[in-house]
């Protein structure tokens, strides 16, 4: 599979959540062109079977290659990464592919109390990929894992009241937050949608708690892979094309609001 430095980078998510990753990618790689695909017609992924998510990831990767000749692919979704990144790398060995995972490792470097909260979809928390990540780190801190059914969907729908209700519900179920001994002092936003609920989460957990997302590490890894493959576009004006399998107007509204 041959690529050209001027070809775009494909980015996809089940919906608008991956815009948080796209935001970091554009900051890190301002000269690059991106094609962002929101698979809103098949969302949410987080409460679906792995086989469904794998099939969608394959279809999207194929579409982006055939229609847009992408030079790299960023899976801007924790659930899709956990279910499909290893299969896509096997099937598309010539394509640089970057996935995302909940930022447990960066959170370890930040915590002082040794208690870290993790908000994620049920699919992410149940995945073998997350289990392996957690297993390798759980001796170094206590991770309080919280599945957040419905939160990504509420963010997708711009339902502020529902976002506020769910953030309060899930944070309350995790225990005490703060900088005191025994409290959760670091909160991992383990779904790419959740950074867009930061305002509501901050109100509930307070200013002493660190919120950790994954956009910047993903952007740096994308740069490293492009440089290694000789595909980095260092000059020129960047651009983004938006695609959706659902409501394109909702995606464009979200992009204008958050980017």
C-alpha atoms as a PDB file:
ATOM      1  CA  UNK A   1       0.000   0.000   0.000  1.00  0.00           C
ATOM      2  CA  UNK A   2       1.684   3.206  -1.192  1.00  0.00           C
ATOM      3  CA  UNK A   3       0.766   6.588   0.238  1.00  0.00           C
ATOM      4  CA  UNK A   4       1.632  10.187  -0.532  1.00  0.00           C
ATOM      5  CA  UNK A   5       2.518  12.877   2.046  1.00  0.00           C
ATOM      6  CA  UNK A   6      -0.218  15.124   0.660  1.00  0.00           C
ATOM      7  CA  UNK A   7      -2.885  12.453   1.184  1.00  0.00           C
ATOM      8  CA  UNK A   8      -5.242  13.024   4.137  1.00  0.00           C
ATOM      9  CA  UNK A   9      -5.285  11.283   7.498  1.00  0.00           C
ATOM     10  CA  UNK A  10      -8.487   9.390   8.233  1.00  0.00           C
ATOM     11  CA  UNK A  11     -10.078   9.817  11.671  1.00  0.00           C
ATOM     12  CA  UNK A  12     -13.227   8.033  12.799  1.00  0.00           C
ATOM     13  CA  UNK A  13     -15.441   7.593  15.820  1.00  0.00           C
ATOM     14  CA  UNK A  14     -18.947   6.324  16.479  1.00  0.00           C
ATOM     15  CA  UNK A  15     -20.042   9.962  16.494  1.00  0.00           C
ATOM     16  CA  UNK A  16     -18.812  13.381  17.548  1.00  0.00           C
ATOM     17  CA  UNK A  17     -16.598  12.286  20.450  1.00  0.00           C
ATOM     18  CA  UNK A  18     -13.568  11.817  18.231  1.00  0.00           C
ATOM     19  CA  UNK A  19     -13.579  15.560  17.621  1.00  0.00           C
ATOM     20  CA  UNK A  20     -11.642  15.788  20.905  1.00  0.00           C
ATOM     21  CA  UNK A  21      -8.891  13.724  19.253  1.00  0.00           C
ATOM     22  CA  UNK A  22      -9.147  15.709  16.011  1.00  0.00           C
ATOM     23  CA  UNK A  23      -8.670  18.918  17.999  1.00  0.00           C
ATOM     24  CA  UNK A  24      -5.351  17.612  19.368  1.00  0.00           C
ATOM     25  CA  UNK A  25      -4.291  16.269  15.960  1.00  0.00           C
ATOM     26  CA  UNK A  26      -4.840  19.645  14.295  1.00  0.00           C
ATOM     27  CA  UNK A  27      -2.820  21.381  17.007  1.00  0.00           C
ATOM     28  CA  UNK A  28       0.073  18.912  16.629  1.00  0.00           C
ATOM     29  CA  UNK A  29      -0.099  18.625  12.809  1.00  0.00           C
ATOM     30  CA  UNK A  30      -1.366  21.976  11.483  1.00  0.00           C
ATOM     31  CA  UNK A  31      -0.267  21.351   7.874  1.00  0.00           C
ATOM     32  CA  UNK A  32      -2.085  18.032   7.523  1.00  0.00           C
ATOM     33  CA  UNK A  33      -5.396  17.340   5.801  1.00  0.00           C
ATOM     34  CA  UNK A  34      -7.934  15.217   7.684  1.00  0.00           C
ATOM     35  CA  UNK A  35     -11.080  13.313   6.790  1.00  0.00           C
ATOM     36  CA  UNK A  36     -13.263  12.863   9.861  1.00  0.00           C
ATOM     37  CA  UNK A  37     -16.015  10.262   9.685  1.00  0.00           C
ATOM     38  CA  UNK A  38     -18.706  10.066  12.365  1.00  0.00           C
ATOM     39  CA  UNK A  39     -20.448   6.684  12.258  1.00  0.00           C
ATOM     40  CA  UNK A  40     -23.546   8.196  13.861  1.00  0.00           C
ATOM     41  CA  UNK A  41     -25.903   6.020  11.859  1.00  0.00           C
ATOM     42  CA  UNK A  42     -24.578   3.014  13.814  1.00  0.00           C
ATOM     43  CA  UNK A  43     -23.880   4.632  17.210  1.00  0.00           C
ATOM     44  CA  UNK A  44     -23.393   4.087  20.065  1.00  0.00           C
ATOM     45  CA  UNK A  45     -20.517   1.590  19.983  1.00  0.00           C
ATOM     46  CA  UNK A  46     -19.937   1.405  23.728  1.00  0.00           C
ATOM     47  CA  UNK A  47     -22.937  -0.830  24.448  1.00  0.00           C
ATOM     48  CA  UNK A  48     -22.603  -3.044  21.324  1.00  0.00           C
ATOM     49  CA  UNK A  49     -21.063  -6.479  20.785  1.00  0.00           C
ATOM     50  CA  UNK A  50     -17.420  -6.587  19.680  1.00  0.00           C
ATOM     51  CA  UNK A  51     -18.349  -8.287  16.407  1.00  0.00           C
ATOM     52  CA  UNK A  52     -20.563  -5.341  15.451  1.00  0.00           C
ATOM     53  CA  UNK A  53     -17.838  -2.796  16.217  1.00  0.00           C
ATOM     54  CA  UNK A  54     -15.227  -4.804  14.292  1.00  0.00           C
ATOM     55  CA  UNK A  55     -17.458  -4.928  11.223  1.00  0.00           C
ATOM     56  CA  UNK A  56     -18.043  -1.177  11.341  1.00  0.00           C
ATOM     57  CA  UNK A  57     -14.313  -0.458  11.776  1.00  0.00           C
ATOM     58  CA  UNK A  58     -13.457  -2.622   8.767  1.00  0.00           C
ATOM     59  CA  UNK A  59     -16.114  -0.955   6.606  1.00  0.00           C
ATOM     60  CA  UNK A  60     -15.003   2.540   7.566  1.00  0.00           C
ATOM     61  CA  UNK A  61     -11.312   1.846   7.002  1.00  0.00           C
ATOM     62  CA  UNK A  62     -12.108   0.426   3.569  1.00  0.00           C
ATOM     63  CA  UNK A  63     -14.269   3.405   2.660  1.00  0.00           C
ATOM     64  CA  UNK A  64     -11.629   5.922   3.710  1.00  0.00           C
ATOM     65  CA  UNK A  65      -8.960   4.087   1.726  1.00  0.00           C
ATOM     66  CA  UNK A  66     -11.043   3.682  -1.416  1.00  0.00           C
ATOM     67  CA  UNK A  67     -12.718   7.085  -1.490  1.00  0.00           C
ATOM     68  CA  UNK A  68     -10.047   9.312   0.076  1.00  0.00           C
ATOM     69  CA  UNK A  69      -6.728   7.423  -0.301  1.00  0.00           C
ATOM     70  CA  UNK A  70      -5.828   8.085   3.330  1.00  0.00           C
ATOM     71  CA  UNK A  71      -2.161   7.751   4.324  1.00  0.00           C
ATOM     72  CA  UNK A  72      -2.872   6.929   7.997  1.00  0.00           C
ATOM     73  CA  UNK A  73      -5.829   6.046  10.178  1.00  0.00           C
ATOM     74  CA  UNK A  74      -6.640   7.287  13.680  1.00  0.00           C
ATOM     75  CA  UNK A  75      -9.303   5.277  15.510  1.00  0.00           C
ATOM     76  CA  UNK A  76     -10.614   8.091  17.698  1.00  0.00           C
ATOM     77  CA  UNK A  77     -12.770   5.792  19.809  1.00  0.00           C
ATOM     78  CA  UNK A  78     -11.763   3.732  22.836  1.00  0.00           C
ATOM     79  CA  UNK A  79     -14.371   1.045  22.183  1.00  0.00           C
ATOM     80  CA  UNK A  80     -13.414   0.618  18.518  1.00  0.00           C
ATOM     81  CA  UNK A  81      -9.715   0.565  19.397  1.00  0.00           C
ATOM     82  CA  UNK A  82     -10.233  -2.170  21.968  1.00  0.00           C
ATOM     83  CA  UNK A  83     -12.328  -4.288  19.611  1.00  0.00           C
ATOM     84  CA  UNK A  84     -10.665  -3.774  16.247  1.00  0.00           C
ATOM     85  CA  UNK A  85      -7.244  -2.115  16.187  1.00  0.00           C
ATOM     86  CA  UNK A  86      -5.272  -5.389  16.185  1.00  0.00           C
ATOM     87  CA  UNK A  87      -7.385  -6.812  13.354  1.00  0.00           C
ATOM     88  CA  UNK A  88      -7.069  -3.686  11.226  1.00  0.00           C
ATOM     89  CA  UNK A  89      -3.300  -3.682  11.684  1.00  0.00           C
ATOM     90  CA  UNK A  90      -3.158  -7.305  10.529  1.00  0.00           C
ATOM     91  CA  UNK A  91      -5.346  -6.666   7.489  1.00  0.00           C
ATOM     92  CA  UNK A  92      -3.763  -3.323   6.506  1.00  0.00           C
ATOM     93  CA  UNK A  93      -0.059  -3.786   7.310  1.00  0.00           C
ATOM     94  CA  UNK A  94       1.084  -0.901   5.113  1.00  0.00           C
ATOM     95  CA  UNK A  95      -1.190   1.664   6.743  1.00  0.00           C
ATOM     96  CA  UNK A  96      -0.040   3.489   9.906  1.00  0.00           C
ATOM     97  CA  UNK A  97      -2.881   3.007  12.418  1.00  0.00           C
ATOM     98  CA  UNK A  98      -3.154   4.809  15.747  1.00  0.00           C
ATOM     99  CA  UNK A  99      -5.665   3.796  18.400  1.00  0.00           C
ATOM    100  CA  UNK A 100      -6.673   5.331  21.695  1.00  0.00           C
ATOM    101  CA  UNK A 101      -6.856   3.874  25.183  1.00  0.00           C
ATOM    102  CA  UNK A 102      -7.891   5.285  28.550  1.00  0.00           C
ATOM    103  CA  UNK A 103      -5.004   7.340  29.922  1.00  0.00           C
ATOM    104  CA  UNK A 104      -4.191   5.180  32.946  1.00  0.00           C
ATOM    105  CA  UNK A 105      -0.425   5.567  32.522  1.00  0.00           C
ATOM    106  CA  UNK A 106      -0.466   9.390  32.378  1.00  0.00           C
ATOM    107  CA  UNK A 107      -2.821   9.383  35.382  1.00  0.00           C
ATOM    108  CA  UNK A 108      -0.283   7.384  37.404  1.00  0.00           C
ATOM    109  CA  UNK A 109       2.238  10.165  36.955  1.00  0.00           C
ATOM    110  CA  UNK A 110      -0.229  12.733  38.295  1.00  0.00           C
ATOM    111  CA  UNK A 111      -1.905  11.087  41.266  1.00  0.00           C
ATOM    112  CA  UNK A 112      -0.732  11.892  44.773  1.00  0.00           C
ATOM    113  CA  UNK A 113      -3.340   9.949  46.741  1.00  0.00           C
ATOM    114  CA  UNK A 114      -2.925   6.744  44.715  1.00  0.00           C
ATOM    115  CA  UNK A 115      -6.650   6.590  43.851  1.00  0.00           C
ATOM    116  CA  UNK A 116      -7.614   7.151  40.214  1.00  0.00           C
ATOM    117  CA  UNK A 117     -11.128   7.235  38.788  1.00  0.00           C
ATOM    118  CA  UNK A 118     -11.829   5.930  35.282  1.00  0.00           C
ATOM    119  CA  UNK A 119     -14.969   6.878  33.364  1.00  0.00           C
ATOM    120  CA  UNK A 120     -15.501   4.736  30.261  1.00  0.00           C
ATOM    121  CA  UNK A 121     -18.100   2.888  28.242  1.00  0.00           C
ATOM    122  CA  UNK A 122     -19.130  -0.578  29.315  1.00  0.00           C
ATOM    123  CA  UNK A 123     -17.575  -1.992  26.117  1.00  0.00           C
ATOM    124  CA  UNK A 124     -14.188  -0.452  26.850  1.00  0.00           C
ATOM    125  CA  UNK A 125     -14.086  -1.642  30.465  1.00  0.00           C
ATOM    126  CA  UNK A 126     -15.095  -5.182  29.452  1.00  0.00           C
ATOM    127  CA  UNK A 127     -12.480  -5.473  26.693  1.00  0.00           C
ATOM    128  CA  UNK A 128      -9.416  -7.699  26.824  1.00  0.00           C
ATOM    129  CA  UNK A 129      -7.270  -4.730  25.816  1.00  0.00           C
ATOM    130  CA  UNK A 130      -8.378  -2.685  28.806  1.00  0.00           C
ATOM    131  CA  UNK A 131      -8.065  -5.696  31.115  1.00  0.00           C
ATOM    132  CA  UNK A 132      -4.433  -6.141  30.071  1.00  0.00           C
ATOM    133  CA  UNK A 133      -3.711  -2.431  30.585  1.00  0.00           C
ATOM    134  CA  UNK A 134      -5.355  -2.448  34.011  1.00  0.00           C
ATOM    135  CA  UNK A 135      -3.641  -5.677  35.078  1.00  0.00           C
ATOM    136  CA  UNK A 136      -0.216  -4.222  34.372  1.00  0.00           C
ATOM    137  CA  UNK A 137      -0.845  -1.096  36.441  1.00  0.00           C
ATOM    138  CA  UNK A 138      -3.185  -2.024  39.285  1.00  0.00           C
ATOM    139  CA  UNK A 139      -0.330  -2.754  41.700  1.00  0.00           C
ATOM    140  CA  UNK A 140       0.787   0.864  41.431  1.00  0.00           C
ATOM    141  CA  UNK A 141      -2.525   2.573  42.258  1.00  0.00           C
ATOM    142  CA  UNK A 142      -6.160   1.851  42.982  1.00  0.00           C
ATOM    143  CA  UNK A 143      -8.327   2.371  39.910  1.00  0.00           C
ATOM    144  CA  UNK A 144     -12.046   2.977  40.490  1.00  0.00           C
ATOM    145  CA  UNK A 145     -13.754   1.874  37.268  1.00  0.00           C
ATOM    146  CA  UNK A 146     -17.115   3.378  36.354  1.00  0.00           C
ATOM    147  CA  UNK A 147     -19.159   2.359  33.264  1.00  0.00           C
ATOM    148  CA  UNK A 148     -21.133   5.359  32.010  1.00  0.00           C
ATOM    149  CA  UNK A 149     -24.136   4.016  30.104  1.00  0.00           C
ATOM    150  CA  UNK A 150     -25.852   6.741  28.100  1.00  0.00           C
ATOM    151  CA  UNK A 151     -23.316   9.516  28.659  1.00  0.00           C
ATOM    152  CA  UNK A 152     -21.748   9.401  25.182  1.00  0.00           C
ATOM    153  CA  UNK A 153     -25.229   9.373  23.662  1.00  0.00           C
ATOM    154  CA  UNK A 154     -26.267  12.416  25.706  1.00  0.00           C
ATOM    155  CA  UNK A 155     -23.151  14.284  24.557  1.00  0.00           C
ATOM    156  CA  UNK A 156     -23.892  13.202  20.987  1.00  0.00           C
ATOM    157  CA  UNK A 157     -27.358  14.731  21.309  1.00  0.00           C
ATOM    158  CA  UNK A 158     -26.159  17.930  23.030  1.00  0.00           C
ATOM    159  CA  UNK A 159     -28.587  17.113  25.841  1.00  0.00           C
ATOM    160  CA  UNK A 160     -27.131  19.349  28.562  1.00  0.00           C
ATOM    161  CA  UNK A 161     -29.634  18.352  31.222  1.00  0.00           C
ATOM    162  CA  UNK A 162     -29.026  14.639  30.688  1.00  0.00           C
ATOM    163  CA  UNK A 163     -25.233  15.135  30.613  1.00  0.00           C
ATOM    164  CA  UNK A 164     -25.415  16.966  33.941  1.00  0.00           C
ATOM    165  CA  UNK A 165     -27.610  14.259  35.492  1.00  0.00           C
ATOM    166  CA  UNK A 166     -25.407  11.378  34.341  1.00  0.00           C
ATOM    167  CA  UNK A 167     -22.155  13.062  35.359  1.00  0.00           C
ATOM    168  CA  UNK A 168     -23.556  13.656  38.852  1.00  0.00           C
ATOM    169  CA  UNK A 169     -24.880  10.083  39.069  1.00  0.00           C
ATOM    170  CA  UNK A 170     -21.674   8.343  38.013  1.00  0.00           C
ATOM    171  CA  UNK A 171     -19.332  10.563  40.014  1.00  0.00           C
ATOM    172  CA  UNK A 172     -21.464  10.047  43.147  1.00  0.00           C
ATOM    173  CA  UNK A 173     -21.216   6.272  42.743  1.00  0.00           C
ATOM    174  CA  UNK A 174     -17.402   6.319  42.683  1.00  0.00           C
ATOM    175  CA  UNK A 175     -16.760   7.644  46.175  1.00  0.00           C
ATOM    176  CA  UNK A 176     -14.945  10.669  47.543  1.00  0.00           C
ATOM    177  CA  UNK A 177     -13.021  13.068  45.305  1.00  0.00           C
ATOM    178  CA  UNK A 178     -10.362  15.565  46.343  1.00  0.00           C
ATOM    179  CA  UNK A 179      -6.733  15.906  47.379  1.00  0.00           C
ATOM    180  CA  UNK A 180      -7.090  14.405  50.845  1.00  0.00           C
ATOM    181  CA  UNK A 181      -5.629  10.945  51.618  1.00  0.00           C
ATOM    182  CA  UNK A 182      -7.959   8.206  50.435  1.00  0.00           C
ATOM    183  CA  UNK A 183      -9.780  10.430  47.939  1.00  0.00           C
ATOM    184  CA  UNK A 184      -9.779  10.104  44.153  1.00  0.00           C
ATOM    185  CA  UNK A 185      -7.549  12.954  42.967  1.00  0.00           C
ATOM    186  CA  UNK A 186      -7.239  12.056  39.274  1.00  0.00           C
ATOM    187  CA  UNK A 187     -10.073  11.255  36.850  1.00  0.00           C
ATOM    188  CA  UNK A 188      -9.437   9.550  33.501  1.00  0.00           C
ATOM    189  CA  UNK A 189     -11.884  10.460  30.740  1.00  0.00           C
ATOM    190  CA  UNK A 190     -11.871   7.045  29.074  1.00  0.00           C
ATOM    191  CA  UNK A 191     -14.145   7.834  26.139  1.00  0.00           C
ATOM    192  CA  UNK A 192     -13.364  10.454  23.505  1.00  0.00           C
ATOM    193  CA  UNK A 193     -16.826  11.971  24.019  1.00  0.00           C
ATOM    194  CA  UNK A 194     -16.208  12.760  27.679  1.00  0.00           C
ATOM    195  CA  UNK A 195     -13.874  15.774  27.285  1.00  0.00           C
ATOM    196  CA  UNK A 196     -16.925  17.602  25.991  1.00  0.00           C
ATOM    197  CA  UNK A 197     -18.558  17.057  29.391  1.00  0.00           C
ATOM    198  CA  UNK A 198     -15.603  18.519  31.306  1.00  0.00           C
ATOM    199  CA  UNK A 199     -17.548  21.550  32.461  1.00  0.00           C
ATOM    200  CA  UNK A 200     -20.160  19.340  34.130  1.00  0.00           C
ATOM    201  CA  UNK A 201     -17.568  16.950  35.562  1.00  0.00           C
ATOM    202  CA  UNK A 202     -15.494  19.801  36.970  1.00  0.00           C
ATOM    203  CA  UNK A 203     -18.548  21.183  38.752  1.00  0.00           C
ATOM    204  CA  UNK A 204     -19.103  17.824  40.471  1.00  0.00           C
ATOM    205  CA  UNK A 205     -15.530  16.775  41.366  1.00  0.00           C
ATOM    206  CA  UNK A 206     -14.110  20.195  42.247  1.00  0.00           C
ATOM    207  CA  UNK A 207     -10.995  22.071  41.199  1.00  0.00           C
ATOM    208  CA  UNK A 208      -8.506  19.875  43.078  1.00  0.00           C
ATOM    209  CA  UNK A 209      -9.092  16.831  40.862  1.00  0.00           C
ATOM    210  CA  UNK A 210      -7.046  16.411  37.691  1.00  0.00           C
ATOM    211  CA  UNK A 211      -8.979  15.446  34.540  1.00  0.00           C
ATOM    212  CA  UNK A 212      -6.933  13.386  32.063  1.00  0.00           C
ATOM    213  CA  UNK A 213      -7.813  12.804  28.399  1.00  0.00           C
ATOM    214  CA  UNK A 214      -5.967  11.120  25.532  1.00  0.00           C
ATOM    215  CA  UNK A 215      -5.833  13.593  22.651  1.00  0.00           C
ATOM    216  CA  UNK A 216      -2.276  14.898  23.016  1.00  0.00           C
ATOM    217  CA  UNK A 217      -0.553  11.476  23.345  1.00  0.00           C
ATOM    218  CA  UNK A 218      -2.488  10.229  20.305  1.00  0.00           C
ATOM    219  CA  UNK A 219      -1.436  13.274  18.280  1.00  0.00           C
ATOM    220  CA  UNK A 220       2.226  12.822  19.222  1.00  0.00           C
ATOM    221  CA  UNK A 221       2.119   9.136  18.276  1.00  0.00           C
ATOM    222  CA  UNK A 222       0.531  10.009  14.929  1.00  0.00           C
ATOM    223  CA  UNK A 223       3.368  12.442  14.230  1.00  0.00           C
ATOM    224  CA  UNK A 224       5.972   9.785  15.127  1.00  0.00           C
ATOM    225  CA  UNK A 225       4.428   7.212  12.778  1.00  0.00           C
ATOM    226  CA  UNK A 226       4.149   9.683   9.901  1.00  0.00           C
ATOM    227  CA  UNK A 227       7.762  10.770  10.338  1.00  0.00           C
ATOM    228  CA  UNK A 228       8.961   7.157  10.442  1.00  0.00           C
ATOM    229  CA  UNK A 229       7.069   6.389   7.220  1.00  0.00           C
ATOM    230  CA  UNK A 230       8.240   9.539   5.453  1.00  0.00           C
ATOM    231  CA  UNK A 231       4.647  10.765   5.200  1.00  0.00           C
ATOM    232  CA  UNK A 232       4.689  13.903   7.344  1.00  0.00           C
ATOM    233  CA  UNK A 233       3.409  17.031   5.604  1.00  0.00           C
ATOM    234  CA  UNK A 234       5.361  19.831   7.217  1.00  0.00           C
ATOM    235  CA  UNK A 235       4.184  22.834   5.211  1.00  0.00           C
ATOM    236  CA  UNK A 236       0.974  24.223   3.799  1.00  0.00           C
ATOM    237  CA  UNK A 237      -2.507  24.879   5.077  1.00  0.00           C
ATOM    238  CA  UNK A 238      -4.361  22.100   6.849  1.00  0.00           C
ATOM    239  CA  UNK A 239      -8.007  21.276   6.278  1.00  0.00           C
ATOM    240  CA  UNK A 240     -10.765  18.964   7.467  1.00  0.00           C
ATOM    241  CA  UNK A 241     -13.510  17.231   5.482  1.00  0.00           C
ATOM    242  CA  UNK A 242     -16.440  15.985   7.556  1.00  0.00           C
ATOM    243  CA  UNK A 243     -18.437  12.843   6.756  1.00  0.00           C
ATOM    244  CA  UNK A 244     -21.243  11.120   8.640  1.00  0.00           C
ATOM    245  CA  UNK A 245     -23.323   7.973   8.253  1.00  0.00           C
ATOM    246  CA  UNK A 246     -26.032   9.796  10.190  1.00  0.00           C
ATOM    247  CA  UNK A 247     -26.951  13.459  10.565  1.00  0.00           C
ATOM    248  CA  UNK A 248     -24.210  15.543   8.947  1.00  0.00           C
ATOM    249  CA  UNK A 249     -25.773  18.745  10.312  1.00  0.00           C
ATOM    250  CA  UNK A 250     -25.272  17.499  13.878  1.00  0.00           C
ATOM    251  CA  UNK A 251     -21.614  16.743  13.167  1.00  0.00           C
ATOM    252  CA  UNK A 252     -21.044  20.151  11.600  1.00  0.00           C
ATOM    253  CA  UNK A 253     -22.778  21.853  14.539  1.00  0.00           C
ATOM    254  CA  UNK A 254     -20.570  19.952  16.983  1.00  0.00           C
ATOM    255  CA  UNK A 255     -17.424  20.807  15.022  1.00  0.00           C
ATOM    256  CA  UNK A 256     -18.300  24.497  14.921  1.00  0.00           C
ATOM    257  CA  UNK A 257     -19.082  24.497  18.648  1.00  0.00           C
ATOM    258  CA  UNK A 258     -16.075  22.501  19.908  1.00  0.00           C
ATOM    259  CA  UNK A 259     -13.358  23.193  17.321  1.00  0.00           C
END
